[in-house]
Amino acid sequence: MHNPKRPQVLPMRDGVSPSCVALPAGPWVLVLDFLAERLPIVPRAQWFARMAAGEVVDEFGVPVSPERPYRHSMRVFYYRALEQEPRVPFEAEILHQDAHLLVVDKPHFLPVVPTGRYLHETLLVRLKRQLGIEALSPLHRLDRDTAGVMLFSVQQATRGAYQALFRDRRITKHYEAVAPWRQDIVLPLTRSSRIEESPQFFRTQEVAGAPNSQTHIELLRVLADGAHALYRLEPVSGKRHQLRVHMAALGLPLVHDHFYPGVNDPPEGDYSEPLQLLARRIAFVDPLSGEERVFESRRALEWVGA
């Protein structure tokens, strides 16, 4: 329950909002013991140093010292940090900003939210740092490898109204993609299948069972090389990697897709082969104003001129 008298535990720092972990029931004697065991990516000595510096606090904003006894259900806040992080040399463009909604044109290779080896080099943290909006939150997913239109909620009070657009499928998303051209595949078509997580945690796959994903696929034009084409993809559902999985399953893997149908991840820092997938257009009726909203990417897939 919200308590207006409760102090803000930790402010946003350089675009990074504090992380939170709730302490479960367990045998730990000290909070330090739990953090060192359950979050071992940070060595025990570093947790000790962060605590000593006052950078780990409880839900009331009280610093958690290295000697603090462990207490079940306590919440601990801290800043995530990386010793080394690769620089992503591409920038997003702001397409629209108002009191409730931020729309940006995301480049290829830039993750949306902190994950793995990326923290400051993510779209969310960059935007928080640039705009100073601590409550900023993405309204939908866009892969690191995908470029194009991305929507963010600016304030928590109206976030649910925009999230409902995606939940209730009252938003239209058009993507453009470059993939092989095959005369034996009759288009337009709708691909429906069941997509589940793959044993490889970073991938998904089609499996037998009732469909839970659907994509409309349309040919826009055959490219000059005669071997590839530009396609319009309209996802009805929003499963992770859905467009990539559906196209690969049809024998039309996207150009420079290093995950589907097989994994061939390029080395870190290699930006020579951007995935040929672009979130071109998003359209919806604004749930607050009733206004028709249409946002389009200003980017272009490099293969379109091929």
C-alpha atoms as a PDB file:
ATOM      1  CA  MET A   1       0.000   0.000   0.000  1.00  0.00           C
ATOM      2  CA  HIS A   2       1.251   3.483  -0.875  1.00  0.00           C
ATOM      3  CA  ASN A   3       2.335   5.515   2.133  1.00  0.00           C
ATOM      4  CA  PRO A   4       2.771   9.245   1.319  1.00  0.00           C
ATOM      5  CA  LYS A   5       4.858   9.689   4.474  1.00  0.00           C
ATOM      6  CA  ARG A   6       7.355   7.021   3.439  1.00  0.00           C
ATOM      7  CA  PRO A   7      10.589   8.638   2.184  1.00  0.00           C
ATOM      8  CA  GLN A   8      11.813   8.021  -1.350  1.00  0.00           C
ATOM      9  CA  VAL A   9      14.366   5.260  -0.859  1.00  0.00           C
ATOM     10  CA  LEU A  10      16.889   6.062  -3.583  1.00  0.00           C
ATOM     11  CA  PRO A  11      16.714   8.642  -6.370  1.00  0.00           C
ATOM     12  CA  MET A  12      17.443   7.961 -10.015  1.00  0.00           C
ATOM     13  CA  ARG A  13      21.196   8.173 -10.606  1.00  0.00           C
ATOM     14  CA  ASP A  14      22.586   8.935 -14.063  1.00  0.00           C
ATOM     15  CA  GLY A  15      19.412   7.565 -15.614  1.00  0.00           C
ATOM     16  CA  VAL A  16      19.458   4.352 -13.560  1.00  0.00           C
ATOM     17  CA  SER A  17      16.574   3.747 -11.175  1.00  0.00           C
ATOM     18  CA  PRO A  18      17.266   1.586  -8.111  1.00  0.00           C
ATOM     19  CA  SER A  19      16.668  -2.147  -8.232  1.00  0.00           C
ATOM     20  CA  CYS A  20      14.649  -3.874  -5.528  1.00  0.00           C
ATOM     21  CA  VAL A  21      14.762  -7.371  -4.057  1.00  0.00           C
ATOM     22  CA  ALA A  22      12.349  -8.807  -1.476  1.00  0.00           C
ATOM     23  CA  LEU A  23      14.018 -11.060   1.075  1.00  0.00           C
ATOM     24  CA  PRO A  24      12.418 -14.544   1.171  1.00  0.00           C
ATOM     25  CA  ALA A  25      12.341 -16.910   4.119  1.00  0.00           C
ATOM     26  CA  GLY A  26      15.714 -18.578   4.490  1.00  0.00           C
ATOM     27  CA  PRO A  27      18.716 -19.431   6.652  1.00  0.00           C
ATOM     28  CA  TRP A  28      20.776 -16.282   6.112  1.00  0.00           C
ATOM     29  CA  VAL A  29      22.121 -14.501   9.193  1.00  0.00           C
ATOM     30  CA  LEU A  30      22.946 -11.181   7.549  1.00  0.00           C
ATOM     31  CA  VAL A  31      21.457  -9.309   4.599  1.00  0.00           C
ATOM     32  CA  LEU A  32      24.991  -9.332   3.221  1.00  0.00           C
ATOM     33  CA  ASP A  33      24.981 -13.145   3.283  1.00  0.00           C
ATOM     34  CA  PHE A  34      21.814 -13.252   1.150  1.00  0.00           C
ATOM     35  CA  LEU A  35      23.020 -10.689  -1.404  1.00  0.00           C
ATOM     36  CA  ALA A  36      26.382 -12.382  -1.815  1.00  0.00           C
ATOM     37  CA  GLU A  37      24.741 -15.787  -2.340  1.00  0.00           C
ATOM     38  CA  ARG A  38      21.714 -14.865  -4.444  1.00  0.00           C
ATOM     39  CA  LEU A  39      23.258 -12.035  -6.503  1.00  0.00           C
ATOM     40  CA  PRO A  40      26.791 -13.399  -6.977  1.00  0.00           C
ATOM     41  CA  ILE A  41      27.448 -11.308 -10.087  1.00  0.00           C
ATOM     42  CA  VAL A  42      28.486  -8.711  -7.499  1.00  0.00           C
ATOM     43  CA  PRO A  43      31.256 -10.165  -5.291  1.00  0.00           C
ATOM     44  CA  ARG A  44      30.760 -10.161  -1.534  1.00  0.00           C
ATOM     45  CA  ALA A  45      33.511  -7.581  -1.081  1.00  0.00           C
ATOM     46  CA  GLN A  46      31.691  -5.197  -3.448  1.00  0.00           C
ATOM     47  CA  TRP A  47      28.392  -5.662  -1.591  1.00  0.00           C
ATOM     48  CA  PHE A  48      30.260  -4.872   1.638  1.00  0.00           C
ATOM     49  CA  ALA A  49      31.704  -1.704   0.078  1.00  0.00           C
ATOM     50  CA  ARG A  50      28.327  -0.590  -1.293  1.00  0.00           C
ATOM     51  CA  MET A  51      26.718  -1.092   2.102  1.00  0.00           C
ATOM     52  CA  ALA A  52      29.481   0.785   3.855  1.00  0.00           C
ATOM     53  CA  ALA A  53      28.967   3.672   1.398  1.00  0.00           C
ATOM     54  CA  GLY A  54      25.211   3.811   2.127  1.00  0.00           C
ATOM     55  CA  GLU A  55      24.229   2.631  -1.364  1.00  0.00           C
ATOM     56  CA  VAL A  56      22.022  -0.220  -0.108  1.00  0.00           C
ATOM     57  CA  VAL A  57      18.857   0.798   1.789  1.00  0.00           C
ATOM     58  CA  ASP A  58      15.646  -0.748   3.083  1.00  0.00           C
ATOM     59  CA  GLU A  59      12.086   0.216   2.107  1.00  0.00           C
ATOM     60  CA  PHE A  60      12.164   3.103   4.569  1.00  0.00           C
ATOM     61  CA  GLY A  61      15.342   4.592   3.135  1.00  0.00           C
ATOM     62  CA  VAL A  62      17.466   3.421   6.084  1.00  0.00           C
ATOM     63  CA  PRO A  63      20.972   2.336   5.020  1.00  0.00           C
ATOM     64  CA  VAL A  64      21.568  -1.403   5.303  1.00  0.00           C
ATOM     65  CA  SER A  65      24.929  -1.880   6.975  1.00  0.00           C
ATOM     66  CA  PRO A  66      27.101  -4.972   6.406  1.00  0.00           C
ATOM     67  CA  GLU A  67      26.138  -6.081   9.934  1.00  0.00           C
ATOM     68  CA  ARG A  68      22.363  -5.715   9.409  1.00  0.00           C
ATOM     69  CA  PRO A  69      20.542  -8.910  10.544  1.00  0.00           C
ATOM     70  CA  TYR A  70      18.504 -10.734   7.939  1.00  0.00           C
ATOM     71  CA  ARG A  71      14.725 -10.246   8.143  1.00  0.00           C
ATOM     72  CA  HIS A  72      12.213 -12.131   6.031  1.00  0.00           C
ATOM     73  CA  SER A  73       9.954  -9.896   3.828  1.00  0.00           C
ATOM     74  CA  MET A  74      12.278  -6.910   4.095  1.00  0.00           C
ATOM     75  CA  ARG A  75      12.817  -5.066   0.799  1.00  0.00           C
ATOM     76  CA  VAL A  76      16.314  -3.973  -0.184  1.00  0.00           C
ATOM     77  CA  PHE A  77      17.080  -1.290  -2.768  1.00  0.00           C
ATOM     78  CA  TYR A  78      20.397  -0.835  -4.543  1.00  0.00           C
ATOM     79  CA  TYR A  79      21.916   0.502  -7.752  1.00  0.00           C
ATOM     80  CA  ARG A  80      22.861  -1.951 -10.439  1.00  0.00           C
ATOM     81  CA  ALA A  81      26.349  -1.320 -11.821  1.00  0.00           C
ATOM     82  CA  LEU A  82      28.627  -2.796 -14.470  1.00  0.00           C
ATOM     83  CA  GLU A  83      32.412  -2.544 -14.406  1.00  0.00           C
ATOM     84  CA  GLN A  84      32.607  -2.613 -18.196  1.00  0.00           C
ATOM     85  CA  GLU A  85      29.884  -1.954 -20.754  1.00  0.00           C
ATOM     86  CA  PRO A  86      30.169  -1.810 -24.564  1.00  0.00           C
ATOM     87  CA  ARG A  87      29.194   1.496 -26.154  1.00  0.00           C
ATOM     88  CA  VAL A  88      26.361   1.221 -28.695  1.00  0.00           C
ATOM     89  CA  PRO A  89      27.225   3.878 -31.308  1.00  0.00           C
ATOM     90  CA  PHE A  90      23.667   4.623 -32.475  1.00  0.00           C
ATOM     91  CA  GLU A  91      21.121   7.129 -31.201  1.00  0.00           C
ATOM     92  CA  ALA A  92      17.343   7.142 -30.885  1.00  0.00           C
ATOM     93  CA  GLU A  93      15.186   9.993 -32.186  1.00  0.00           C
ATOM     94  CA  ILE A  94      12.229  11.387 -30.283  1.00  0.00           C
ATOM     95  CA  LEU A  95       9.136  11.442 -32.509  1.00  0.00           C
ATOM     96  CA  HIS A  96       6.587  12.718 -29.972  1.00  0.00           C
ATOM     97  CA  GLN A  97       6.400  13.748 -26.328  1.00  0.00           C
ATOM     98  CA  ASP A  98       3.506  14.927 -24.169  1.00  0.00           C
ATOM     99  CA  ALA A  99       2.513  14.665 -20.515  1.00  0.00           C
ATOM    100  CA  HIS A 100       1.544  10.993 -20.846  1.00  0.00           C
ATOM    101  CA  LEU A 101       3.319   9.472 -23.834  1.00  0.00           C
ATOM    102  CA  LEU A 102       6.812   9.391 -25.311  1.00  0.00           C
ATOM    103  CA  VAL A 103       7.402   7.947 -28.785  1.00  0.00           C
ATOM    104  CA  VAL A 104      10.923   7.278 -30.055  1.00  0.00           C
ATOM    105  CA  ASP A 105      12.529   5.893 -33.193  1.00  0.00           C
ATOM    106  CA  LYS A 106      14.886   3.205 -31.894  1.00  0.00           C
ATOM    107  CA  PRO A 107      18.072   2.228 -33.755  1.00  0.00           C
ATOM    108  CA  HIS A 108      19.222  -1.331 -34.357  1.00  0.00           C
ATOM    109  CA  PHE A 109      21.510  -2.916 -31.721  1.00  0.00           C
ATOM    110  CA  LEU A 110      20.282  -0.806 -28.780  1.00  0.00           C
ATOM    111  CA  PRO A 111      18.527  -2.815 -26.011  1.00  0.00           C
ATOM    112  CA  VAL A 112      15.359  -1.254 -24.632  1.00  0.00           C
ATOM    113  CA  VAL A 113      15.831  -2.110 -20.937  1.00  0.00           C
ATOM    114  CA  PRO A 114      18.845  -3.068 -18.805  1.00  0.00           C
ATOM    115  CA  THR A 115      19.770  -6.693 -19.248  1.00  0.00           C
ATOM    116  CA  GLY A 116      22.928  -8.786 -19.143  1.00  0.00           C
ATOM    117  CA  ARG A 117      25.933  -6.711 -20.126  1.00  0.00           C
ATOM    118  CA  TYR A 118      23.879  -3.593 -20.920  1.00  0.00           C
ATOM    119  CA  LEU A 119      22.816  -0.953 -18.391  1.00  0.00           C
ATOM    120  CA  HIS A 120      23.609   2.623 -19.390  1.00  0.00           C
ATOM    121  CA  GLU A 121      23.723   1.591 -23.062  1.00  0.00           C
ATOM    122  CA  THR A 122      19.981   0.930 -23.175  1.00  0.00           C
ATOM    123  CA  LEU A 123      17.179   3.017 -24.619  1.00  0.00           C
ATOM    124  CA  LEU A 124      15.356   3.372 -21.297  1.00  0.00           C
ATOM    125  CA  VAL A 125      18.364   4.573 -19.292  1.00  0.00           C
ATOM    126  CA  ARG A 126      19.499   6.923 -22.046  1.00  0.00           C
ATOM    127  CA  LEU A 127      16.048   8.512 -22.191  1.00  0.00           C
ATOM    128  CA  LYS A 128      15.779   8.804 -18.407  1.00  0.00           C
ATOM    129  CA  ARG A 129      19.167  10.492 -18.306  1.00  0.00           C
ATOM    130  CA  GLN A 130      18.315  12.793 -21.236  1.00  0.00           C
ATOM    131  CA  LEU A 131      14.809  13.767 -20.113  1.00  0.00           C
ATOM    132  CA  GLY A 132      15.014  13.344 -16.356  1.00  0.00           C
ATOM    133  CA  ILE A 133      11.752  11.338 -16.250  1.00  0.00           C
ATOM    134  CA  GLU A 134      12.204   8.742 -13.506  1.00  0.00           C
ATOM    135  CA  ALA A 135       8.741   7.189 -14.054  1.00  0.00           C
ATOM    136  CA  LEU A 136       9.444   6.462 -17.742  1.00  0.00           C
ATOM    137  CA  SER A 137       8.466   2.883 -18.640  1.00  0.00           C
ATOM    138  CA  PRO A 138       8.240   0.957 -21.956  1.00  0.00           C
ATOM    139  CA  LEU A 139       4.716   0.016 -23.022  1.00  0.00           C
ATOM    140  CA  HIS A 140       5.715  -2.914 -25.252  1.00  0.00           C
ATOM    141  CA  ARG A 141       8.691  -5.003 -26.346  1.00  0.00           C
ATOM    142  CA  LEU A 142      11.117  -4.370 -29.160  1.00  0.00           C
ATOM    143  CA  ASP A 143      14.132  -6.642 -29.624  1.00  0.00           C
ATOM    144  CA  ARG A 144      17.629  -5.244 -29.353  1.00  0.00           C
ATOM    145  CA  ASP A 145      18.115  -6.261 -32.989  1.00  0.00           C
ATOM    146  CA  THR A 146      14.969  -4.482 -34.219  1.00  0.00           C
ATOM    147  CA  ALA A 147      14.710  -0.788 -35.089  1.00  0.00           C
ATOM    148  CA  GLY A 148      11.682   1.485 -35.243  1.00  0.00           C
ATOM    149  CA  VAL A 149       8.772   2.981 -33.313  1.00  0.00           C
ATOM    150  CA  MET A 150       8.724   2.418 -29.554  1.00  0.00           C
ATOM    151  CA  LEU A 151       6.169   3.764 -27.044  1.00  0.00           C
ATOM    152  CA  PHE A 152       6.889   4.748 -23.432  1.00  0.00           C
ATOM    153  CA  SER A 153       4.587   5.773 -20.596  1.00  0.00           C
ATOM    154  CA  VAL A 154       5.620   9.042 -18.955  1.00  0.00           C
ATOM    155  CA  GLN A 155       3.635   8.798 -15.719  1.00  0.00           C
ATOM    156  CA  GLN A 156       2.320   5.931 -13.656  1.00  0.00           C
ATOM    157  CA  ALA A 157      -1.158   7.451 -13.174  1.00  0.00           C
ATOM    158  CA  THR A 158      -2.105   6.982 -16.851  1.00  0.00           C
ATOM    159  CA  ARG A 159       0.113   3.999 -17.698  1.00  0.00           C
ATOM    160  CA  GLY A 160      -2.649   1.435 -17.361  1.00  0.00           C
ATOM    161  CA  ALA A 161      -4.800   3.119 -20.007  1.00  0.00           C
ATOM    162  CA  TYR A 162      -2.039   2.727 -22.596  1.00  0.00           C
ATOM    163  CA  GLN A 163      -1.080  -0.790 -21.474  1.00  0.00           C
ATOM    164  CA  ALA A 164      -4.704  -1.799 -22.064  1.00  0.00           C
ATOM    165  CA  LEU A 165      -4.328  -0.938 -25.760  1.00  0.00           C
ATOM    166  CA  PHE A 166      -1.799  -3.739 -26.126  1.00  0.00           C
ATOM    167  CA  ARG A 167      -3.576  -6.152 -23.794  1.00  0.00           C
ATOM    168  CA  ASP A 168      -6.902  -5.728 -25.604  1.00  0.00           C
ATOM    169  CA  ARG A 169      -5.304  -5.655 -29.081  1.00  0.00           C
ATOM    170  CA  ARG A 170      -6.614  -2.175 -29.825  1.00  0.00           C
ATOM    171  CA  ILE A 171      -3.364  -1.086 -31.416  1.00  0.00           C
ATOM    172  CA  THR A 172      -2.108  -1.738 -34.950  1.00  0.00           C
ATOM    173  CA  LYS A 173       1.586  -2.371 -35.571  1.00  0.00           C
ATOM    174  CA  HIS A 174       3.122  -2.629 -39.028  1.00  0.00           C
ATOM    175  CA  TYR A 175       6.662  -3.875 -39.526  1.00  0.00           C
ATOM    176  CA  GLU A 176       8.795  -4.005 -42.655  1.00  0.00           C
ATOM    177  CA  ALA A 177      11.254  -6.824 -43.246  1.00  0.00           C
ATOM    178  CA  VAL A 178      13.613  -8.073 -45.924  1.00  0.00           C
ATOM    179  CA  ALA A 179      13.689 -11.821 -46.516  1.00  0.00           C
ATOM    180  CA  PRO A 180      14.134 -14.246 -49.422  1.00  0.00           C
ATOM    181  CA  TRP A 181      11.628 -14.058 -52.279  1.00  0.00           C
ATOM    182  CA  ARG A 182       9.867 -17.362 -53.011  1.00  0.00           C
ATOM    183  CA  GLN A 183       7.313 -17.643 -55.796  1.00  0.00           C
ATOM    184  CA  ASP A 184       5.888 -20.850 -54.314  1.00  0.00           C
ATOM    185  CA  ILE A 185       4.547 -19.013 -51.238  1.00  0.00           C
ATOM    186  CA  VAL A 186       1.235 -17.357 -52.033  1.00  0.00           C
ATOM    187  CA  LEU A 187       0.816 -13.981 -50.351  1.00  0.00           C
ATOM    188  CA  PRO A 188      -0.833 -12.381 -48.508  1.00  0.00           C
ATOM    189  CA  LEU A 189      -1.222 -15.035 -45.817  1.00  0.00           C
ATOM    190  CA  THR A 190      -1.739 -15.320 -42.084  1.00  0.00           C
ATOM    191  CA  ARG A 191       0.611 -17.476 -40.033  1.00  0.00           C
ATOM    192  CA  SER A 192      -0.958 -18.931 -36.888  1.00  0.00           C
ATOM    193  CA  SER A 193       0.946 -21.229 -34.552  1.00  0.00           C
ATOM    194  CA  ARG A 194       1.799 -21.962 -30.949  1.00  0.00           C
ATOM    195  CA  ILE A 195       5.011 -20.279 -29.794  1.00  0.00           C
ATOM    196  CA  GLU A 196       6.727 -21.329 -26.571  1.00  0.00           C
ATOM    197  CA  GLU A 197      10.103 -20.755 -24.957  1.00  0.00           C
ATOM    198  CA  SER A 198      12.966 -22.751 -26.460  1.00  0.00           C
ATOM    199  CA  PRO A 199      15.482 -24.762 -24.386  1.00  0.00           C
ATOM    200  CA  GLN A 200      17.870 -21.996 -25.442  1.00  0.00           C
ATOM    201  CA  PHE A 201      16.575 -19.269 -23.106  1.00  0.00           C
ATOM    202  CA  PHE A 202      17.097 -16.448 -25.593  1.00  0.00           C
ATOM    203  CA  ARG A 203      14.984 -18.062 -28.330  1.00  0.00           C
ATOM    204  CA  THR A 204      11.394 -19.159 -28.861  1.00  0.00           C
ATOM    205  CA  GLN A 205      10.000 -21.872 -31.128  1.00  0.00           C
ATOM    206  CA  GLU A 206       6.843 -23.175 -32.765  1.00  0.00           C
ATOM    207  CA  VAL A 207       5.380 -26.250 -31.075  1.00  0.00           C
ATOM    208  CA  ALA A 208       2.302 -28.429 -31.497  1.00  0.00           C
ATOM    209  CA  GLY A 209      -0.864 -27.224 -29.841  1.00  0.00           C
ATOM    210  CA  ALA A 210      -3.542 -24.578 -29.993  1.00  0.00           C
ATOM    211  CA  PRO A 211      -2.257 -21.417 -31.729  1.00  0.00           C
ATOM    212  CA  ASN A 212      -1.368 -18.504 -29.464  1.00  0.00           C
ATOM    213  CA  SER A 213       0.255 -16.277 -32.097  1.00  0.00           C
ATOM    214  CA  GLN A 214      -0.827 -14.784 -35.399  1.00  0.00           C
ATOM    215  CA  THR A 215       0.933 -12.659 -38.021  1.00  0.00           C
ATOM    216  CA  HIS A 216      -0.424 -11.221 -41.269  1.00  0.00           C
ATOM    217  CA  ILE A 217       2.246 -11.281 -44.002  1.00  0.00           C
ATOM    218  CA  GLU A 218       2.064  -9.235 -47.204  1.00  0.00           C
ATOM    219  CA  LEU A 219       4.471  -8.764 -50.094  1.00  0.00           C
ATOM    220  CA  LEU A 220       5.344  -5.115 -50.750  1.00  0.00           C
ATOM    221  CA  ARG A 221       7.784  -5.611 -53.628  1.00  0.00           C
ATOM    222  CA  VAL A 222      10.526  -7.852 -54.971  1.00  0.00           C
ATOM    223  CA  LEU A 223      13.936  -6.215 -54.650  1.00  0.00           C
ATOM    224  CA  ALA A 224      16.208  -5.522 -57.581  1.00  0.00           C
ATOM    225  CA  ASP A 225      18.357  -8.611 -56.998  1.00  0.00           C
ATOM    226  CA  GLY A 226      15.309 -10.809 -57.661  1.00  0.00           C
ATOM    227  CA  ALA A 227      16.244 -13.046 -54.722  1.00  0.00           C
ATOM    228  CA  HIS A 228      14.851 -10.974 -51.871  1.00  0.00           C
ATOM    229  CA  ALA A 229      11.665  -9.054 -51.167  1.00  0.00           C
ATOM    230  CA  LEU A 230      10.307  -6.381 -48.860  1.00  0.00           C
ATOM    231  CA  TYR A 231       7.448  -7.637 -46.693  1.00  0.00           C
ATOM    232  CA  ARG A 232       4.880  -5.989 -44.450  1.00  0.00           C
ATOM    233  CA  LEU A 233       4.275  -7.897 -41.230  1.00  0.00           C
ATOM    234  CA  GLU A 234       1.340  -7.192 -38.923  1.00  0.00           C
ATOM    235  CA  PRO A 235       1.434  -9.090 -35.625  1.00  0.00           C
ATOM    236  CA  VAL A 236      -1.985  -9.701 -34.094  1.00  0.00           C
ATOM    237  CA  SER A 237      -0.463 -11.198 -30.939  1.00  0.00           C
ATOM    238  CA  GLY A 238       2.777 -10.187 -29.244  1.00  0.00           C
ATOM    239  CA  LYS A 239       4.879 -13.257 -28.515  1.00  0.00           C
ATOM    240  CA  ARG A 240       8.620 -12.777 -28.118  1.00  0.00           C
ATOM    241  CA  HIS A 241      10.438 -13.017 -31.476  1.00  0.00           C
ATOM    242  CA  GLN A 242       7.100 -13.835 -33.119  1.00  0.00           C
ATOM    243  CA  LEU A 243       7.810 -12.226 -36.492  1.00  0.00           C
ATOM    244  CA  ARG A 244      11.236 -13.812 -36.754  1.00  0.00           C
ATOM    245  CA  VAL A 245       9.933 -17.252 -35.772  1.00  0.00           C
ATOM    246  CA  HIS A 246       6.979 -17.112 -38.183  1.00  0.00           C
ATOM    247  CA  MET A 247       9.069 -15.969 -41.136  1.00  0.00           C
ATOM    248  CA  ALA A 248      11.764 -18.578 -40.492  1.00  0.00           C
ATOM    249  CA  ALA A 249       9.109 -21.305 -40.201  1.00  0.00           C
ATOM    250  CA  LEU A 250       7.825 -20.348 -43.664  1.00  0.00           C
ATOM    251  CA  GLY A 251      11.311 -20.699 -45.108  1.00  0.00           C
ATOM    252  CA  LEU A 252      11.676 -16.914 -45.245  1.00  0.00           C
ATOM    253  CA  PRO A 253      14.284 -16.114 -42.563  1.00  0.00           C
ATOM    254  CA  LEU A 254      14.925 -12.387 -42.208  1.00  0.00           C
ATOM    255  CA  VAL A 255      18.158 -11.081 -43.652  1.00  0.00           C
ATOM    256  CA  HIS A 256      20.856 -10.887 -40.941  1.00  0.00           C
ATOM    257  CA  ASP A 257      18.784 -12.829 -38.412  1.00  0.00           C
ATOM    258  CA  HIS A 258      21.453 -14.450 -36.261  1.00  0.00           C
ATOM    259  CA  PHE A 259      18.989 -16.393 -34.085  1.00  0.00           C
ATOM    260  CA  TYR A 260      16.571 -17.948 -36.587  1.00  0.00           C
ATOM    261  CA  PRO A 261      16.559 -20.531 -38.016  1.00  0.00           C
ATOM    262  CA  GLY A 262      20.036 -21.142 -36.489  1.00  0.00           C
ATOM    263  CA  VAL A 263      22.208 -19.303 -33.975  1.00  0.00           C
ATOM    264  CA  ASN A 264      25.184 -17.438 -35.427  1.00  0.00           C
ATOM    265  CA  ASP A 265      25.619 -14.524 -33.034  1.00  0.00           C
ATOM    266  CA  PRO A 266      28.237 -12.031 -34.277  1.00  0.00           C
ATOM    267  CA  PRO A 267      31.068 -10.983 -31.947  1.00  0.00           C
ATOM    268  CA  GLU A 268      30.547  -8.082 -29.562  1.00  0.00           C
ATOM    269  CA  GLY A 269      30.991  -4.740 -31.292  1.00  0.00           C
ATOM    270  CA  ASP A 270      30.217  -6.058 -34.787  1.00  0.00           C
ATOM    271  CA  TYR A 271      27.488  -3.784 -36.189  1.00  0.00           C
ATOM    272  CA  SER A 272      27.978  -4.713 -39.839  1.00  0.00           C
ATOM    273  CA  GLU A 273      24.799  -6.778 -40.238  1.00  0.00           C
ATOM    274  CA  PRO A 274      21.708  -5.093 -38.742  1.00  0.00           C
ATOM    275  CA  LEU A 275      18.636  -7.310 -38.700  1.00  0.00           C
ATOM    276  CA  GLN A 276      16.412  -6.288 -41.605  1.00  0.00           C
ATOM    277  CA  LEU A 277      13.347  -5.694 -39.453  1.00  0.00           C
ATOM    278  CA  LEU A 278      11.812  -2.293 -38.798  1.00  0.00           C
ATOM    279  CA  ALA A 279       8.813  -1.336 -36.656  1.00  0.00           C
ATOM    280  CA  ARG A 280       7.501   1.037 -39.297  1.00  0.00           C
ATOM    281  CA  ARG A 281       4.133   2.218 -37.956  1.00  0.00           C
ATOM    282  CA  ILE A 282       1.948   2.191 -34.836  1.00  0.00           C
ATOM    283  CA  ALA A 283      -1.664   3.423 -34.870  1.00  0.00           C
ATOM    284  CA  PHE A 284      -4.324   3.594 -32.146  1.00  0.00           C
ATOM    285  CA  VAL A 285      -7.055   5.718 -30.630  1.00  0.00           C
ATOM    286  CA  ASP A 286      -5.615   7.596 -27.669  1.00  0.00           C
ATOM    287  CA  PRO A 287      -7.430   6.304 -24.551  1.00  0.00           C
ATOM    288  CA  LEU A 288      -7.239   9.713 -22.852  1.00  0.00           C
ATOM    289  CA  SER A 289      -8.091  12.167 -25.630  1.00  0.00           C
ATOM    290  CA  GLY A 290      -9.955   9.940 -28.110  1.00  0.00           C
ATOM    291  CA  GLU A 291      -7.587  11.236 -30.821  1.00  0.00           C
ATOM    292  CA  GLU A 292      -6.429   9.053 -33.701  1.00  0.00           C
ATOM    293  CA  ARG A 293      -2.697   8.558 -33.234  1.00  0.00           C
ATOM    294  CA  VAL A 294      -0.306   7.416 -35.958  1.00  0.00           C
ATOM    295  CA  PHE A 295       3.470   7.300 -35.497  1.00  0.00           C
ATOM    296  CA  GLU A 296       5.900   6.249 -38.241  1.00  0.00           C
ATOM    297  CA  SER A 297       9.609   5.507 -38.212  1.00  0.00           C
ATOM    298  CA  ARG A 298      11.882   7.783 -40.218  1.00  0.00           C
ATOM    299  CA  ARG A 299      14.424   5.001 -40.663  1.00  0.00           C
ATOM    300  CA  ALA A 300      14.922   2.783 -43.691  1.00  0.00           C
ATOM    301  CA  LEU A 301      16.178  -0.783 -44.040  1.00  0.00           C
ATOM    302  CA  GLU A 302      19.517  -0.771 -45.817  1.00  0.00           C
ATOM    303  CA  TRP A 303      18.533  -3.670 -48.079  1.00  0.00           C
ATOM    304  CA  VAL A 304      15.447  -1.947 -49.461  1.00  0.00           C
ATOM    305  CA  GLY A 305      17.524  -0.261 -52.121  1.00  0.00           C
ATOM    306  CA  ALA A 306      19.146  -3.548 -53.129  1.00  0.00           C
END
